[in-house]
Amino acid sequence: MLSGIGLGEILLIALVVLLVFGVGRITKVAGELGSGINAFRKGLKGDINEEESNNEK
């Protein structure tokens, strides 16, 4: 489905997104997305560690 999209089309889409949302808003959303991913990873590691400690008891 997306095999017909080339570099030029991706750059055009990125330019339109940049014009619509602005640089500040995109960086804010990207930062929040990164924080969410990190929190998710930490949560998964915490769940694994809790399961291991419960198995040892």
PDB file of N, CA and C in Angstrom:
ATOM      1  N   MET A   1       0.812  -1.192   0.000  1.00  0.00           N
ATOM      2  CA  MET A   1       0.000   0.000   0.000  1.00  0.00           C
ATOM      3  C   MET A   1       0.856   1.258   0.000  1.00  0.00           C
ATOM      4  N   LEU A   2       1.850   1.300   0.854  1.00  0.00           N
ATOM      5  CA  LEU A   2       2.719   2.476   0.932  1.00  0.00           C
ATOM      6  C   LEU A   2       3.972   2.336   0.085  1.00  0.00           C
ATOM      7  N   SER A   3       4.042   1.304  -0.716  1.00  0.00           N
ATOM      8  CA  SER A   3       5.258   1.079  -1.499  1.00  0.00           C
ATOM      9  C   SER A   3       5.453   2.128  -2.590  1.00  0.00           C
ATOM     10  N   GLY A   4       4.390   2.847  -2.946  1.00  0.00           N
ATOM     11  CA  GLY A   4       4.499   3.862  -3.985  1.00  0.00           C
ATOM     12  C   GLY A   4       4.940   5.213  -3.473  1.00  0.00           C
ATOM     13  N   ILE A   5       5.138   5.343  -2.164  1.00  0.00           N
ATOM     14  CA  ILE A   5       5.543   6.626  -1.591  1.00  0.00           C
ATOM     15  C   ILE A   5       7.063   6.713  -1.604  1.00  0.00           C
ATOM     16  N   GLY A   6       7.572   7.773  -2.203  1.00  0.00           N
ATOM     17  CA  GLY A   6       9.014   7.970  -2.271  1.00  0.00           C
ATOM     18  C   GLY A   6       9.466   9.052  -1.314  1.00  0.00           C
ATOM     19  N   LEU A   7      10.721   9.403  -1.414  1.00  0.00           N
ATOM     20  CA  LEU A   7      11.311  10.404  -0.536  1.00  0.00           C
ATOM     21  C   LEU A   7      10.661  11.769  -0.751  1.00  0.00           C
ATOM     22  N   GLY A   8      10.377  12.120  -1.995  1.00  0.00           N
ATOM     23  CA  GLY A   8       9.758  13.409  -2.292  1.00  0.00           C
ATOM     24  C   GLY A   8       8.389  13.555  -1.651  1.00  0.00           C
ATOM     25  N   GLU A   9       7.596  12.498  -1.693  1.00  0.00           N
ATOM     26  CA  GLU A   9       6.268  12.546  -1.081  1.00  0.00           C
ATOM     27  C   GLU A   9       6.351  12.653   0.437  1.00  0.00           C
ATOM     28  N   ILE A  10       7.293  11.928   1.025  1.00  0.00           N
ATOM     29  CA  ILE A  10       7.465  11.996   2.478  1.00  0.00           C
ATOM     30  C   ILE A  10       7.883  13.402   2.900  1.00  0.00           C
ATOM     31  N   LEU A  11       8.787  14.014   2.152  1.00  0.00           N
ATOM     32  CA  LEU A  11       9.209  15.379   2.464  1.00  0.00           C
ATOM     33  C   LEU A  11       8.059  16.366   2.310  1.00  0.00           C
ATOM     34  N   LEU A  12       7.219  16.177   1.305  1.00  0.00           N
ATOM     35  CA  LEU A  12       6.063  17.040   1.106  1.00  0.00           C
ATOM     36  C   LEU A  12       5.075  16.907   2.266  1.00  0.00           C
ATOM     37  N   ILE A  13       4.823  15.694   2.706  1.00  0.00           N
ATOM     38  CA  ILE A  13       3.935  15.473   3.850  1.00  0.00           C
ATOM     39  C   ILE A  13       4.516  16.115   5.102  1.00  0.00           C
ATOM     40  N   ALA A  14       5.815  15.963   5.325  1.00  0.00           N
ATOM     41  CA  ALA A  14       6.462  16.565   6.491  1.00  0.00           C
ATOM     42  C   ALA A  14       6.371  18.086   6.443  1.00  0.00           C
ATOM     43  N   LEU A  15       6.517  18.670   5.275  1.00  0.00           N
ATOM     44  CA  LEU A  15       6.409  20.117   5.132  1.00  0.00           C
ATOM     45  C   LEU A  15       4.998  20.597   5.443  1.00  0.00           C
ATOM     46  N   VAL A  16       3.998  19.884   4.962  1.00  0.00           N
ATOM     47  CA  VAL A  16       2.605  20.264   5.238  1.00  0.00           C
ATOM     48  C   VAL A  16       2.308  20.156   6.728  1.00  0.00           C
ATOM     49  N   VAL A  17       2.762  19.081   7.364  1.00  0.00           N
ATOM     50  CA  VAL A  17       2.559  18.915   8.812  1.00  0.00           C
ATOM     51  C   VAL A  17       3.249  20.038   9.567  1.00  0.00           C
ATOM     52  N   LEU A  18       4.443  20.402   9.147  1.00  0.00           N
ATOM     53  CA  LEU A  18       5.184  21.482   9.787  1.00  0.00           C
ATOM     54  C   LEU A  18       4.447  22.809   9.655  1.00  0.00           C
ATOM     55  N   LEU A  19       3.894  23.077   8.476  1.00  0.00           N
ATOM     56  CA  LEU A  19       3.155  24.317   8.273  1.00  0.00           C
ATOM     57  C   LEU A  19       1.851  24.346   9.075  1.00  0.00           C
ATOM     58  N   VAL A  20       1.186  23.222   9.190  1.00  0.00           N
ATOM     59  CA  VAL A  20      -0.097  23.178   9.894  1.00  0.00           C
ATOM     60  C   VAL A  20       0.092  23.299  11.396  1.00  0.00           C
ATOM     61  N   PHE A  21       1.021  22.553  11.958  1.00  0.00           N
ATOM     62  CA  PHE A  21       1.166  22.506  13.410  1.00  0.00           C
ATOM     63  C   PHE A  21       2.230  23.445  13.963  1.00  0.00           C
ATOM     64  N   GLY A  22       3.231  23.770  13.203  1.00  0.00           N
ATOM     65  CA  GLY A  22       4.303  24.621  13.687  1.00  0.00           C
ATOM     66  C   GLY A  22       5.377  23.818  14.395  1.00  0.00           C
ATOM     67  N   VAL A  23       6.564  24.397  14.462  1.00  0.00           N
ATOM     68  CA  VAL A  23       7.718  23.696  15.031  1.00  0.00           C
ATOM     69  C   VAL A  23       7.544  23.457  16.527  1.00  0.00           C
ATOM     70  N   GLY A  24       7.069  24.457  17.244  1.00  0.00           N
ATOM     71  CA  GLY A  24       6.946  24.332  18.697  1.00  0.00           C
ATOM     72  C   GLY A  24       6.010  23.229  19.116  1.00  0.00           C
ATOM     73  N   ARG A  25       4.887  23.135  18.428  1.00  0.00           N
ATOM     74  CA  ARG A  25       3.908  22.119  18.801  1.00  0.00           C
ATOM     75  C   ARG A  25       4.402  20.722  18.451  1.00  0.00           C
ATOM     76  N   ILE A  26       5.092  20.589  17.334  1.00  0.00           N
ATOM     77  CA  ILE A  26       5.613  19.274  16.937  1.00  0.00           C
ATOM     78  C   ILE A  26       6.660  18.794  17.938  1.00  0.00           C
ATOM     79  N   THR A  27       7.547  19.680  18.371  1.00  0.00           N
ATOM     80  CA  THR A  27       8.568  19.276  19.338  1.00  0.00           C
ATOM     81  C   THR A  27       7.933  18.926  20.676  1.00  0.00           C
ATOM     82  N   LYS A  28       6.896  19.647  21.055  1.00  0.00           N
ATOM     83  CA  LYS A  28       6.207  19.349  22.319  1.00  0.00           C
ATOM     84  C   LYS A  28       5.546  17.975  22.264  1.00  0.00           C
ATOM     85  N   VAL A  29       4.862  17.690  21.160  1.00  0.00           N
ATOM     86  CA  VAL A  29       4.207  16.395  21.008  1.00  0.00           C
ATOM     87  C   VAL A  29       5.238  15.273  20.947  1.00  0.00           C
ATOM     88  N   ALA A  30       6.335  15.495  20.242  1.00  0.00           N
ATOM     89  CA  ALA A  30       7.386  14.478  20.153  1.00  0.00           C
ATOM     90  C   ALA A  30       8.010  14.214  21.522  1.00  0.00           C
ATOM     91  N   GLY A  31       8.219  15.268  22.296  1.00  0.00           N
ATOM     92  CA  GLY A  31       8.765  15.095  23.643  1.00  0.00           C
ATOM     93  C   GLY A  31       7.822  14.321  24.542  1.00  0.00           C
ATOM     94  N   GLU A  32       6.533  14.625  24.457  1.00  0.00           N
ATOM     95  CA  GLU A  32       5.550  13.901  25.259  1.00  0.00           C
ATOM     96  C   GLU A  32       5.457  12.441  24.834  1.00  0.00           C
ATOM     97  N   LEU A  33       5.555  12.198  23.542  1.00  0.00           N
ATOM     98  CA  LEU A  33       5.527  10.831  23.041  1.00  0.00           C
ATOM     99  C   LEU A  33       6.738  10.052  23.558  1.00  0.00           C
ATOM    100  N   GLY A  34       7.907  10.682  23.539  1.00  0.00           N
ATOM    101  CA  GLY A  34       9.109  10.037  24.066  1.00  0.00           C
ATOM    102  C   GLY A  34       9.007   9.744  25.547  1.00  0.00           C
ATOM    103  N   SER A  35       8.440  10.676  26.304  1.00  0.00           N
ATOM    104  CA  SER A  35       8.253  10.460  27.743  1.00  0.00           C
ATOM    105  C   SER A  35       7.285   9.314  28.000  1.00  0.00           C
ATOM    106  N   GLY A  36       6.247   9.241  27.186  1.00  0.00           N
ATOM    107  CA  GLY A  36       5.287   8.162  27.338  1.00  0.00           C
ATOM    108  C   GLY A  36       5.894   6.803  27.040  1.00  0.00           C
ATOM    109  N   ILE A  37       6.715   6.747  26.014  1.00  0.00           N
ATOM    110  CA  ILE A  37       7.376   5.485  25.661  1.00  0.00           C
ATOM    111  C   ILE A  37       8.330   5.066  26.775  1.00  0.00           C
ATOM    112  N   ASN A  38       9.080   6.020  27.326  1.00  0.00           N
ATOM    113  CA  ASN A  38       9.997   5.693  28.428  1.00  0.00           C
ATOM    114  C   ASN A  38       9.241   5.201  29.648  1.00  0.00           C
ATOM    115  N   ALA A  39       8.125   5.841  29.968  1.00  0.00           N
ATOM    116  CA  ALA A  39       7.326   5.409  31.116  1.00  0.00           C
ATOM    117  C   ALA A  39       6.772   4.006  30.879  1.00  0.00           C
ATOM    118  N   PHE A  40       6.360   3.731  29.653  1.00  0.00           N
ATOM    119  CA  PHE A  40       5.851   2.405  29.314  1.00  0.00           C
ATOM    120  C   PHE A  40       6.929   1.348  29.490  1.00  0.00           C
ATOM    121  N   ARG A  41       8.143   1.644  29.012  1.00  0.00           N
ATOM    122  CA  ARG A  41       9.254   0.694  29.149  1.00  0.00           C
ATOM    123  C   ARG A  41       9.591   0.452  30.618  1.00  0.00           C
ATOM    124  N   LYS A  42       9.631   1.533  31.406  1.00  0.00           N
ATOM    125  CA  LYS A  42       9.916   1.381  32.836  1.00  0.00           C
ATOM    126  C   LYS A  42       8.833   0.564  33.511  1.00  0.00           C
ATOM    127  N   GLY A  43       7.588   0.765  33.096  1.00  0.00           N
ATOM    128  CA  GLY A  43       6.489  -0.015  33.654  1.00  0.00           C
ATOM    129  C   GLY A  43       6.611  -1.487  33.327  1.00  0.00           C
ATOM    130  N   LEU A  44       7.024  -1.790  32.108  1.00  0.00           N
ATOM    131  CA  LEU A  44       7.209  -3.195  31.739  1.00  0.00           C
ATOM    132  C   LEU A  44       8.337  -3.820  32.542  1.00  0.00           C
ATOM    133  N   LYS A  45       9.417  -3.095  32.721  1.00  0.00           N
ATOM    134  CA  LYS A  45      10.533  -3.622  33.502  1.00  0.00           C
ATOM    135  C   LYS A  45      10.122  -3.823  34.950  1.00  0.00           C
ATOM    136  N   GLY A  46       9.328  -2.924  35.483  1.00  0.00           N
ATOM    137  CA  GLY A  46       8.849  -3.061  36.861  1.00  0.00           C
ATOM    138  C   GLY A  46       7.955  -4.267  37.014  1.00  0.00           C
ATOM    139  N   ASP A  47       7.087  -4.531  36.023  1.00  0.00           N
ATOM    140  CA  ASP A  47       6.221  -5.695  36.083  1.00  0.00           C
ATOM    141  C   ASP A  47       7.024  -6.979  36.033  1.00  0.00           C
ATOM    142  N   ILE A  48       8.051  -7.000  35.208  1.00  0.00           N
ATOM    143  CA  ILE A  48       8.887  -8.199  35.101  1.00  0.00           C
ATOM    144  C   ILE A  48       9.615  -8.434  36.422  1.00  0.00           C
ATOM    145  N   ASN A  49      10.157  -7.365  37.007  1.00  0.00           N
ATOM    146  CA  ASN A  49      10.882  -7.500  38.271  1.00  0.00           C
ATOM    147  C   ASN A  49       9.950  -7.944  39.389  1.00  0.00           C
ATOM    148  N   GLU A  50       8.710  -7.450  39.400  1.00  0.00           N
ATOM    149  CA  GLU A  50       7.757  -7.864  40.426  1.00  0.00           C
ATOM    150  C   GLU A  50       7.394  -9.328  40.273  1.00  0.00           C
ATOM    151  N   GLU A  51       7.231  -9.801  39.032  1.00  0.00           N
ATOM    152  CA  GLU A  51       6.906 -11.200  38.801  1.00  0.00           C
ATOM    153  C   GLU A  51       8.045 -12.088  39.243  1.00  0.00           C
ATOM    154  N   GLU A  52       9.281 -11.685  38.977  1.00  0.00           N
ATOM    155  CA  GLU A  52      10.445 -12.484  39.380  1.00  0.00           C
ATOM    156  C   GLU A  52      10.534 -12.544  40.892  1.00  0.00           C
ATOM    157  N   SER A  53      10.290 -11.453  41.591  1.00  0.00           N
ATOM    158  CA  SER A  53      10.370 -11.459  43.043  1.00  0.00           C
ATOM    159  C   SER A  53       9.239 -12.262  43.649  1.00  0.00           C
ATOM    160  N   ASN A  54       8.051 -12.284  43.019  1.00  0.00           N
ATOM    161  CA  ASN A  54       6.945 -13.086  43.511  1.00  0.00           C
ATOM    162  C   ASN A  54       7.211 -14.574  43.315  1.00  0.00           C
ATOM    163  N   ASN A  55       7.920 -14.934  42.266  1.00  0.00           N
ATOM    164  CA  ASN A  55       8.239 -16.335  42.011  1.00  0.00           C
ATOM    165  C   ASN A  55       9.269 -16.859  43.004  1.00  0.00           C
ATOM    166  N   GLU A  56      10.124 -15.996  43.516  1.00  0.00           N
ATOM    167  CA  GLU A  56      11.172 -16.408  44.441  1.00  0.00           C
ATOM    168  C   GLU A  56      10.621 -16.678  45.823  1.00  0.00           C
ATOM    169  N   LYS A  57       9.493 -16.076  46.176  1.00  0.00           N
ATOM    170  CA  LYS A  57       8.935 -16.229  47.531  1.00  0.00           C
ATOM    171  C   LYS A  57       8.249 -17.519  47.730  1.00  0.00           C
TER     172      LYS A  57
END
